[in-house]
Amino acid sequence: MDFFDEMLNKSPREKFIEIVQNAPSGAIEKAFDDFLSEHIAMFELLEKNGLSEDDLLNFKLEHSAKIDELKDDYFIGLTAKILGQE
């Protein structure tokens, strides 16, 4: 089985973990820096609009199924950003 066949037989989470373990540190650093900047900006925006961490926690609990569905999209996106940095 070649590399591409092997990659197609894995979940987005598994592919992401494999890429993180093997990618150059600079590519990972850039992707995570961008991801954290976006994450921090969202928290600041929530706070600016009067939402608290409790509001966020409640939202996560109420929408956990949808959030779990979307995680694969985020793993795919982060993997693409890391690979795009190489």
PDB file of N, CA and C in Angstrom:
ATOM      1  N   MET A   1       0.859  -1.179   0.000  1.00  0.00           N
ATOM      2  CA  MET A   1       0.000   0.000   0.000  1.00  0.00           C
ATOM      3  C   MET A   1       0.903   1.239   0.000  1.00  0.00           C
ATOM      4  N   ASP A   2       0.670   2.161  -0.907  1.00  0.00           N
ATOM      5  CA  ASP A   2       1.514   3.346  -0.947  1.00  0.00           C
ATOM      6  C   ASP A   2       0.999   4.417   0.020  1.00  0.00           C
ATOM      7  N   PHE A   3       1.758   5.492   0.130  1.00  0.00           N
ATOM      8  CA  PHE A   3       1.466   6.567   1.083  1.00  0.00           C
ATOM      9  C   PHE A   3       0.064   7.135   0.905  1.00  0.00           C
ATOM     10  N   PHE A   4      -0.335   7.402  -0.345  1.00  0.00           N
ATOM     11  CA  PHE A   4      -1.634   8.024  -0.590  1.00  0.00           C
ATOM     12  C   PHE A   4      -2.787   7.076  -0.262  1.00  0.00           C
ATOM     13  N   ASP A   5      -2.643   5.794  -0.584  1.00  0.00           N
ATOM     14  CA  ASP A   5      -3.668   4.816  -0.209  1.00  0.00           C
ATOM     15  C   ASP A   5      -3.806   4.751   1.303  1.00  0.00           C
ATOM     16  N   GLU A   6      -2.669   4.756   1.981  1.00  0.00           N
ATOM     17  CA  GLU A   6      -2.680   4.693   3.444  1.00  0.00           C
ATOM     18  C   GLU A   6      -3.372   5.931   4.029  1.00  0.00           C
ATOM     19  N   MET A   7      -3.086   7.099   3.480  1.00  0.00           N
ATOM     20  CA  MET A   7      -3.687   8.343   3.980  1.00  0.00           C
ATOM     21  C   MET A   7      -5.192   8.366   3.753  1.00  0.00           C
ATOM     22  N   LEU A   8      -5.668   7.782   2.654  1.00  0.00           N
ATOM     23  CA  LEU A   8      -7.097   7.780   2.362  1.00  0.00           C
ATOM     24  C   LEU A   8      -7.878   6.853   3.290  1.00  0.00           C
ATOM     25  N   ASN A   9      -7.192   5.946   3.949  1.00  0.00           N
ATOM     26  CA  ASN A   9      -7.849   4.996   4.837  1.00  0.00           C
ATOM     27  C   ASN A   9      -7.837   5.451   6.288  1.00  0.00           C
ATOM     28  N   LYS A  10      -7.548   6.707   6.534  1.00  0.00           N
ATOM     29  CA  LYS A  10      -7.497   7.238   7.899  1.00  0.00           C
ATOM     30  C   LYS A  10      -8.514   8.357   8.066  1.00  0.00           C
ATOM     31  N   SER A  11      -8.927   8.567   9.302  1.00  0.00           N
ATOM     32  CA  SER A  11      -9.844   9.667   9.603  1.00  0.00           C
ATOM     33  C   SER A  11      -9.090  10.989   9.512  1.00  0.00           C
ATOM     34  N   PRO A  12      -9.806  12.104   9.362  1.00  0.00           N
ATOM     35  CA  PRO A  12      -9.128  13.407   9.349  1.00  0.00           C
ATOM     36  C   PRO A  12      -8.284  13.637  10.608  1.00  0.00           C
ATOM     37  N   ARG A  13      -8.774  13.179  11.763  1.00  0.00           N
ATOM     38  CA  ARG A  13      -8.021  13.338  13.012  1.00  0.00           C
ATOM     39  C   ARG A  13      -6.710  12.538  12.934  1.00  0.00           C
ATOM     40  N   GLU A  14      -6.784  11.298  12.466  1.00  0.00           N
ATOM     41  CA  GLU A  14      -5.587  10.460  12.358  1.00  0.00           C
ATOM     42  C   GLU A  14      -4.579  11.049  11.372  1.00  0.00           C
ATOM     43  N   LYS A  15      -5.084  11.568  10.251  1.00  0.00           N
ATOM     44  CA  LYS A  15      -4.207  12.197   9.261  1.00  0.00           C
ATOM     45  C   LYS A  15      -3.519  13.416   9.859  1.00  0.00           C
ATOM     46  N   PHE A  16      -4.293  14.231  10.593  1.00  0.00           N
ATOM     47  CA  PHE A  16      -3.757  15.429  11.223  1.00  0.00           C
ATOM     48  C   PHE A  16      -2.626  15.063  12.189  1.00  0.00           C
ATOM     49  N   ILE A  17      -2.875  14.079  13.059  1.00  0.00           N
ATOM     50  CA  ILE A  17      -1.863  13.666  14.033  1.00  0.00           C
ATOM     51  C   ILE A  17      -0.601  13.190  13.320  1.00  0.00           C
ATOM     52  N   GLU A  18      -0.767  12.425  12.266  1.00  0.00           N
ATOM     53  CA  GLU A  18       0.388  11.929  11.516  1.00  0.00           C
ATOM     54  C   GLU A  18       1.172  13.081  10.883  1.00  0.00           C
ATOM     55  N   ILE A  19       0.462  14.035  10.312  1.00  0.00           N
ATOM     56  CA  ILE A  19       1.129  15.186   9.695  1.00  0.00           C
ATOM     57  C   ILE A  19       1.875  15.988  10.755  1.00  0.00           C
ATOM     58  N   VAL A  20       1.244  16.229  11.912  1.00  0.00           N
ATOM     59  CA  VAL A  20       1.890  16.992  12.980  1.00  0.00           C
ATOM     60  C   VAL A  20       3.160  16.283  13.456  1.00  0.00           C
ATOM     61  N   GLN A  21       3.116  14.979  13.508  1.00  0.00           N
ATOM     62  CA  GLN A  21       4.284  14.226  13.967  1.00  0.00           C
ATOM     63  C   GLN A  21       5.435  14.260  12.964  1.00  0.00           C
ATOM     64  N   ASN A  22       5.133  14.529  11.699  1.00  0.00           N
ATOM     65  CA  ASN A  22       6.157  14.436  10.664  1.00  0.00           C
ATOM     66  C   ASN A  22       6.477  15.741   9.945  1.00  0.00           C
ATOM     67  N   ALA A  23       5.684  16.758  10.141  1.00  0.00           N
ATOM     68  CA  ALA A  23       5.887  18.018   9.421  1.00  0.00           C
ATOM     69  C   ALA A  23       7.022  18.833  10.044  1.00  0.00           C
ATOM     70  N   PRO A  24       7.618  19.706   9.255  1.00  0.00           N
ATOM     71  CA  PRO A  24       8.642  20.597   9.803  1.00  0.00           C
ATOM     72  C   PRO A  24       8.043  21.496  10.886  1.00  0.00           C
ATOM     73  N   SER A  25       8.807  21.750  11.921  1.00  0.00           N
ATOM     74  CA  SER A  25       8.293  22.525  13.048  1.00  0.00           C
ATOM     75  C   SER A  25       7.847  23.933  12.629  1.00  0.00           C
ATOM     76  N   GLY A  26       8.508  24.517  11.656  1.00  0.00           N
ATOM     77  CA  GLY A  26       8.121  25.854  11.194  1.00  0.00           C
ATOM     78  C   GLY A  26       6.726  25.873  10.597  1.00  0.00           C
ATOM     79  N   ALA A  27       6.382  24.822   9.872  1.00  0.00           N
ATOM     80  CA  ALA A  27       5.045  24.733   9.268  1.00  0.00           C
ATOM     81  C   ALA A  27       3.983  24.575  10.345  1.00  0.00           C
ATOM     82  N   ILE A  28       4.275  23.778  11.341  1.00  0.00           N
ATOM     83  CA  ILE A  28       3.331  23.576  12.442  1.00  0.00           C
ATOM     84  C   ILE A  28       3.176  24.862  13.240  1.00  0.00           C
ATOM     85  N   GLU A  29       4.287  25.517  13.515  1.00  0.00           N
ATOM     86  CA  GLU A  29       4.256  26.762  14.280  1.00  0.00           C
ATOM     87  C   GLU A  29       3.394  27.821  13.583  1.00  0.00           C
ATOM     88  N   LYS A  30       3.574  27.973  12.287  1.00  0.00           N
ATOM     89  CA  LYS A  30       2.806  28.973  11.529  1.00  0.00           C
ATOM     90  C   LYS A  30       1.316  28.639  11.545  1.00  0.00           C
ATOM     91  N   ALA A  31       0.966  27.379  11.318  1.00  0.00           N
ATOM     92  CA  ALA A  31      -0.440  26.984  11.295  1.00  0.00           C
ATOM     93  C   ALA A  31      -1.091  27.186  12.657  1.00  0.00           C
ATOM     94  N   PHE A  32      -0.392  26.819  13.727  1.00  0.00           N
ATOM     95  CA  PHE A  32      -0.960  26.980  15.062  1.00  0.00           C
ATOM     96  C   PHE A  32      -0.998  28.435  15.493  1.00  0.00           C
ATOM     97  N   ASP A  33      -0.034  29.223  15.067  1.00  0.00           N
ATOM     98  CA  ASP A  33      -0.065  30.654  15.364  1.00  0.00           C
ATOM     99  C   ASP A  33      -1.296  31.293  14.733  1.00  0.00           C
ATOM    100  N   ASP A  34      -1.569  30.955  13.484  1.00  0.00           N
ATOM    101  CA  ASP A  34      -2.762  31.472  12.806  1.00  0.00           C
ATOM    102  C   ASP A  34      -4.033  30.986  13.495  1.00  0.00           C
ATOM    103  N   PHE A  35      -4.062  29.702  13.868  1.00  0.00           N
ATOM    104  CA  PHE A  35      -5.226  29.126  14.524  1.00  0.00           C
ATOM    105  C   PHE A  35      -5.482  29.801  15.872  1.00  0.00           C
ATOM    106  N   LEU A  36      -4.425  29.994  16.657  1.00  0.00           N
ATOM    107  CA  LEU A  36      -4.585  30.638  17.958  1.00  0.00           C
ATOM    108  C   LEU A  36      -4.998  32.098  17.818  1.00  0.00           C
ATOM    109  N   SER A  37      -4.490  32.794  16.824  1.00  0.00           N
ATOM    110  CA  SER A  37      -4.910  34.179  16.587  1.00  0.00           C
ATOM    111  C   SER A  37      -6.406  34.247  16.314  1.00  0.00           C
ATOM    112  N   GLU A  38      -6.881  33.325  15.503  1.00  0.00           N
ATOM    113  CA  GLU A  38      -8.315  33.270  15.193  1.00  0.00           C
ATOM    114  C   GLU A  38      -9.126  32.936  16.449  1.00  0.00           C
ATOM    115  N   HIS A  39      -8.655  31.990  17.224  1.00  0.00           N
ATOM    116  CA  HIS A  39      -9.318  31.570  18.461  1.00  0.00           C
ATOM    117  C   HIS A  39      -9.400  32.741  19.457  1.00  0.00           C
ATOM    118  N   ILE A  40      -8.295  33.441  19.642  1.00  0.00           N
ATOM    119  CA  ILE A  40      -8.257  34.580  20.559  1.00  0.00           C
ATOM    120  C   ILE A  40      -9.180  35.687  20.076  1.00  0.00           C
ATOM    121  N   ALA A  41      -9.170  35.949  18.774  1.00  0.00           N
ATOM    122  CA  ALA A  41     -10.049  36.985  18.224  1.00  0.00           C
ATOM    123  C   ALA A  41     -11.518  36.651  18.481  1.00  0.00           C
ATOM    124  N   MET A  42     -11.881  35.375  18.349  1.00  0.00           N
ATOM    125  CA  MET A  42     -13.268  34.979  18.611  1.00  0.00           C
ATOM    126  C   MET A  42     -13.637  35.174  20.074  1.00  0.00           C
ATOM    127  N   PHE A  43     -12.734  34.833  20.983  1.00  0.00           N
ATOM    128  CA  PHE A  43     -12.998  35.055  22.401  1.00  0.00           C
ATOM    129  C   PHE A  43     -13.150  36.542  22.708  1.00  0.00           C
ATOM    130  N   GLU A  44     -12.308  37.359  22.131  1.00  0.00           N
ATOM    131  CA  GLU A  44     -12.403  38.801  22.336  1.00  0.00           C
ATOM    132  C   GLU A  44     -13.721  39.341  21.788  1.00  0.00           C
ATOM    133  N   LEU A  45     -14.124  38.847  20.642  1.00  0.00           N
ATOM    134  CA  LEU A  45     -15.391  39.274  20.041  1.00  0.00           C
ATOM    135  C   LEU A  45     -16.575  38.857  20.908  1.00  0.00           C
ATOM    136  N   LEU A  46     -16.537  37.644  21.433  1.00  0.00           N
ATOM    137  CA  LEU A  46     -17.601  37.198  22.340  1.00  0.00           C
ATOM    138  C   LEU A  46     -17.684  38.110  23.557  1.00  0.00           C
ATOM    139  N   GLU A  47     -16.530  38.411  24.144  1.00  0.00           N
ATOM    140  CA  GLU A  47     -16.500  39.270  25.328  1.00  0.00           C
ATOM    141  C   GLU A  47     -17.000  40.674  24.997  1.00  0.00           C
ATOM    142  N   LYS A  48     -16.576  41.182  23.863  1.00  0.00           N
ATOM    143  CA  LYS A  48     -17.000  42.520  23.431  1.00  0.00           C
ATOM    144  C   LYS A  48     -18.514  42.579  23.259  1.00  0.00           C
ATOM    145  N   ASN A  49     -19.118  41.465  22.865  1.00  0.00           N
ATOM    146  CA  ASN A  49     -20.566  41.410  22.653  1.00  0.00           C
ATOM    147  C   ASN A  49     -21.327  40.911  23.881  1.00  0.00           C
ATOM    148  N   GLY A  50     -20.659  40.934  25.035  1.00  0.00           N
ATOM    149  CA  GLY A  50     -21.330  40.640  26.287  1.00  0.00           C
ATOM    150  C   GLY A  50     -21.538  39.167  26.604  1.00  0.00           C
ATOM    151  N   LEU A  51     -20.832  38.286  25.922  1.00  0.00           N
ATOM    152  CA  LEU A  51     -20.968  36.857  26.204  1.00  0.00           C
ATOM    153  C   LEU A  51     -19.822  36.409  27.104  1.00  0.00           C
ATOM    154  N   SER A  52     -20.125  35.518  28.023  1.00  0.00           N
ATOM    155  CA  SER A  52     -19.139  35.056  28.993  1.00  0.00           C
ATOM    156  C   SER A  52     -18.648  33.656  28.647  1.00  0.00           C
ATOM    157  N   GLU A  53     -17.688  33.191  29.431  1.00  0.00           N
ATOM    158  CA  GLU A  53     -17.218  31.819  29.255  1.00  0.00           C
ATOM    159  C   GLU A  53     -18.327  30.827  29.580  1.00  0.00           C
ATOM    160  N   ASP A  54     -19.208  31.193  30.511  1.00  0.00           N
ATOM    161  CA  ASP A  54     -20.357  30.331  30.823  1.00  0.00           C
ATOM    162  C   ASP A  54     -21.279  30.208  29.615  1.00  0.00           C
ATOM    163  N   ASP A  55     -21.479  31.329  28.902  1.00  0.00           N
ATOM    164  CA  ASP A  55     -22.300  31.286  27.691  1.00  0.00           C
ATOM    165  C   ASP A  55     -21.677  30.339  26.663  1.00  0.00           C
ATOM    166  N   LEU A  56     -20.361  30.411  26.534  1.00  0.00           N
ATOM    167  CA  LEU A  56     -19.657  29.545  25.594  1.00  0.00           C
ATOM    168  C   LEU A  56     -19.780  28.078  26.016  1.00  0.00           C
ATOM    169  N   LEU A  57     -19.599  27.819  27.296  1.00  0.00           N
ATOM    170  CA  LEU A  57     -19.715  26.452  27.797  1.00  0.00           C
ATOM    171  C   LEU A  57     -21.119  25.897  27.554  1.00  0.00           C
ATOM    172  N   ASN A  58     -22.137  26.703  27.835  1.00  0.00           N
ATOM    173  CA  ASN A  58     -23.521  26.273  27.595  1.00  0.00           C
ATOM    174  C   ASN A  58     -23.763  25.993  26.118  1.00  0.00           C
ATOM    175  N   PHE A  59     -23.232  26.849  25.250  1.00  0.00           N
ATOM    176  CA  PHE A  59     -23.380  26.646  23.813  1.00  0.00           C
ATOM    177  C   PHE A  59     -22.733  25.326  23.399  1.00  0.00           C
ATOM    178  N   LYS A  60     -21.525  25.084  23.908  1.00  0.00           N
ATOM    179  CA  LYS A  60     -20.823  23.841  23.576  1.00  0.00           C
ATOM    180  C   LYS A  60     -21.620  22.623  24.023  1.00  0.00           C
ATOM    181  N   LEU A  61     -22.208  22.690  25.203  1.00  0.00           N
ATOM    182  CA  LEU A  61     -23.002  21.570  25.710  1.00  0.00           C
ATOM    183  C   LEU A  61     -24.266  21.360  24.886  1.00  0.00           C
ATOM    184  N   GLU A  62     -24.928  22.436  24.530  1.00  0.00           N
ATOM    185  CA  GLU A  62     -26.182  22.357  23.769  1.00  0.00           C
ATOM    186  C   GLU A  62     -25.965  21.933  22.324  1.00  0.00           C
ATOM    187  N   HIS A  63     -24.787  22.197  21.791  1.00  0.00           N
ATOM    188  CA  HIS A  63     -24.518  21.926  20.372  1.00  0.00           C
ATOM    189  C   HIS A  63     -23.367  20.949  20.180  1.00  0.00           C
ATOM    190  N   SER A  64     -23.154  20.070  21.145  1.00  0.00           N
ATOM    191  CA  SER A  64     -21.990  19.179  21.105  1.00  0.00           C
ATOM    192  C   SER A  64     -21.982  18.265  19.876  1.00  0.00           C
ATOM    193  N   ALA A  65     -23.154  17.798  19.453  1.00  0.00           N
ATOM    194  CA  ALA A  65     -23.200  16.919  18.279  1.00  0.00           C
ATOM    195  C   ALA A  65     -22.738  17.662  17.024  1.00  0.00           C
ATOM    196  N   LYS A  66     -23.208  18.874  16.849  1.00  0.00           N
ATOM    197  CA  LYS A  66     -22.819  19.675  15.687  1.00  0.00           C
ATOM    198  C   LYS A  66     -21.325  20.001  15.735  1.00  0.00           C
ATOM    199  N   ILE A  67     -20.839  20.320  16.916  1.00  0.00           N
ATOM    200  CA  ILE A  67     -19.417  20.631  17.073  1.00  0.00           C
ATOM    201  C   ILE A  67     -18.574  19.408  16.721  1.00  0.00           C
ATOM    202  N   ASP A  68     -18.994  18.233  17.189  1.00  0.00           N
ATOM    203  CA  ASP A  68     -18.261  17.011  16.861  1.00  0.00           C
ATOM    204  C   ASP A  68     -18.251  16.753  15.356  1.00  0.00           C
ATOM    205  N   GLU A  69     -19.364  17.037  14.693  1.00  0.00           N
ATOM    206  CA  GLU A  69     -19.433  16.865  13.232  1.00  0.00           C
ATOM    207  C   GLU A  69     -18.441  17.783  12.527  1.00  0.00           C
ATOM    208  N   LEU A  70     -18.286  18.988  13.038  1.00  0.00           N
ATOM    209  CA  LEU A  70     -17.433  19.982  12.381  1.00  0.00           C
ATOM    210  C   LEU A  70     -15.946  19.803  12.680  1.00  0.00           C
ATOM    211  N   LYS A  71     -15.615  19.023  13.685  1.00  0.00           N
ATOM    212  CA  LYS A  71     -14.201  18.830  14.026  1.00  0.00           C
ATOM    213  C   LYS A  71     -13.402  18.284  12.851  1.00  0.00           C
ATOM    214  N   ASP A  72     -13.970  17.349  12.102  1.00  0.00           N
ATOM    215  CA  ASP A  72     -13.247  16.806  10.942  1.00  0.00           C
ATOM    216  C   ASP A  72     -12.879  17.910   9.961  1.00  0.00           C
ATOM    217  N   ASP A  73     -13.799  18.861   9.749  1.00  0.00           N
ATOM    218  CA  ASP A  73     -13.500  19.973   8.848  1.00  0.00           C
ATOM    219  C   ASP A  73     -12.306  20.785   9.351  1.00  0.00           C
ATOM    220  N   TYR A  74     -12.240  20.984  10.650  1.00  0.00           N
ATOM    221  CA  TYR A  74     -11.121  21.732  11.225  1.00  0.00           C
ATOM    222  C   TYR A  74      -9.814  20.944  11.135  1.00  0.00           C
ATOM    223  N   PHE A  75      -9.883  19.638  11.370  1.00  0.00           N
ATOM    224  CA  PHE A  75      -8.673  18.821  11.209  1.00  0.00           C
ATOM    225  C   PHE A  75      -8.175  18.888   9.769  1.00  0.00           C
ATOM    226  N   ILE A  76      -9.094  18.816   8.822  1.00  0.00           N
ATOM    227  CA  ILE A  76      -8.721  18.892   7.402  1.00  0.00           C
ATOM    228  C   ILE A  76      -8.105  20.253   7.098  1.00  0.00           C
ATOM    229  N   GLY A  77      -8.735  21.317   7.593  1.00  0.00           N
ATOM    230  CA  GLY A  77      -8.229  22.668   7.352  1.00  0.00           C
ATOM    231  C   GLY A  77      -6.850  22.889   7.940  1.00  0.00           C
ATOM    232  N   LEU A  78      -6.645  22.447   9.182  1.00  0.00           N
ATOM    233  CA  LEU A  78      -5.331  22.603   9.808  1.00  0.00           C
ATOM    234  C   LEU A  78      -4.271  21.774   9.092  1.00  0.00           C
ATOM    235  N   THR A  79      -4.645  20.578   8.682  1.00  0.00           N
ATOM    236  CA  THR A  79      -3.704  19.734   7.936  1.00  0.00           C
ATOM    237  C   THR A  79      -3.301  20.425   6.643  1.00  0.00           C
ATOM    238  N   ALA A  80      -4.267  20.991   5.943  1.00  0.00           N
ATOM    239  CA  ALA A  80      -3.970  21.682   4.684  1.00  0.00           C
ATOM    240  C   ALA A  80      -3.059  22.890   4.929  1.00  0.00           C
ATOM    241  N   LYS A  81      -3.313  23.626   6.019  1.00  0.00           N
ATOM    242  CA  LYS A  81      -2.460  24.786   6.317  1.00  0.00           C
ATOM    243  C   LYS A  81      -1.026  24.354   6.623  1.00  0.00           C
ATOM    244  N   ILE A  82      -0.887  23.272   7.372  1.00  0.00           N
ATOM    245  CA  ILE A  82       0.461  22.778   7.684  1.00  0.00           C
ATOM    246  C   ILE A  82       1.167  22.329   6.409  1.00  0.00           C
ATOM    247  N   LEU A  83       0.471  21.557   5.585  1.00  0.00           N
ATOM    248  CA  LEU A  83       1.079  21.081   4.338  1.00  0.00           C
ATOM    249  C   LEU A  83       1.376  22.236   3.389  1.00  0.00           C
ATOM    250  N   GLY A  84       0.550  23.284   3.431  1.00  0.00           N
ATOM    251  CA  GLY A  84       0.753  24.447   2.571  1.00  0.00           C
ATOM    252  C   GLY A  84       1.956  25.272   2.976  1.00  0.00           C
ATOM    253  N   GLN A  85       2.434  25.088   4.196  1.00  0.00           N
ATOM    254  CA  GLN A  85       3.603  25.833   4.693  1.00  0.00           C
ATOM    255  C   GLN A  85       4.921  25.177   4.323  1.00  0.00           C
ATOM    256  N   GLU A  86       4.840  23.876   3.976  1.00  0.00           N
ATOM    257  CA  GLU A  86       6.092  23.145   3.706  1.00  0.00           C
ATOM    258  C   GLU A  86       6.731  23.614   2.428  1.00  0.00           C
TER     259      GLU A  86
END
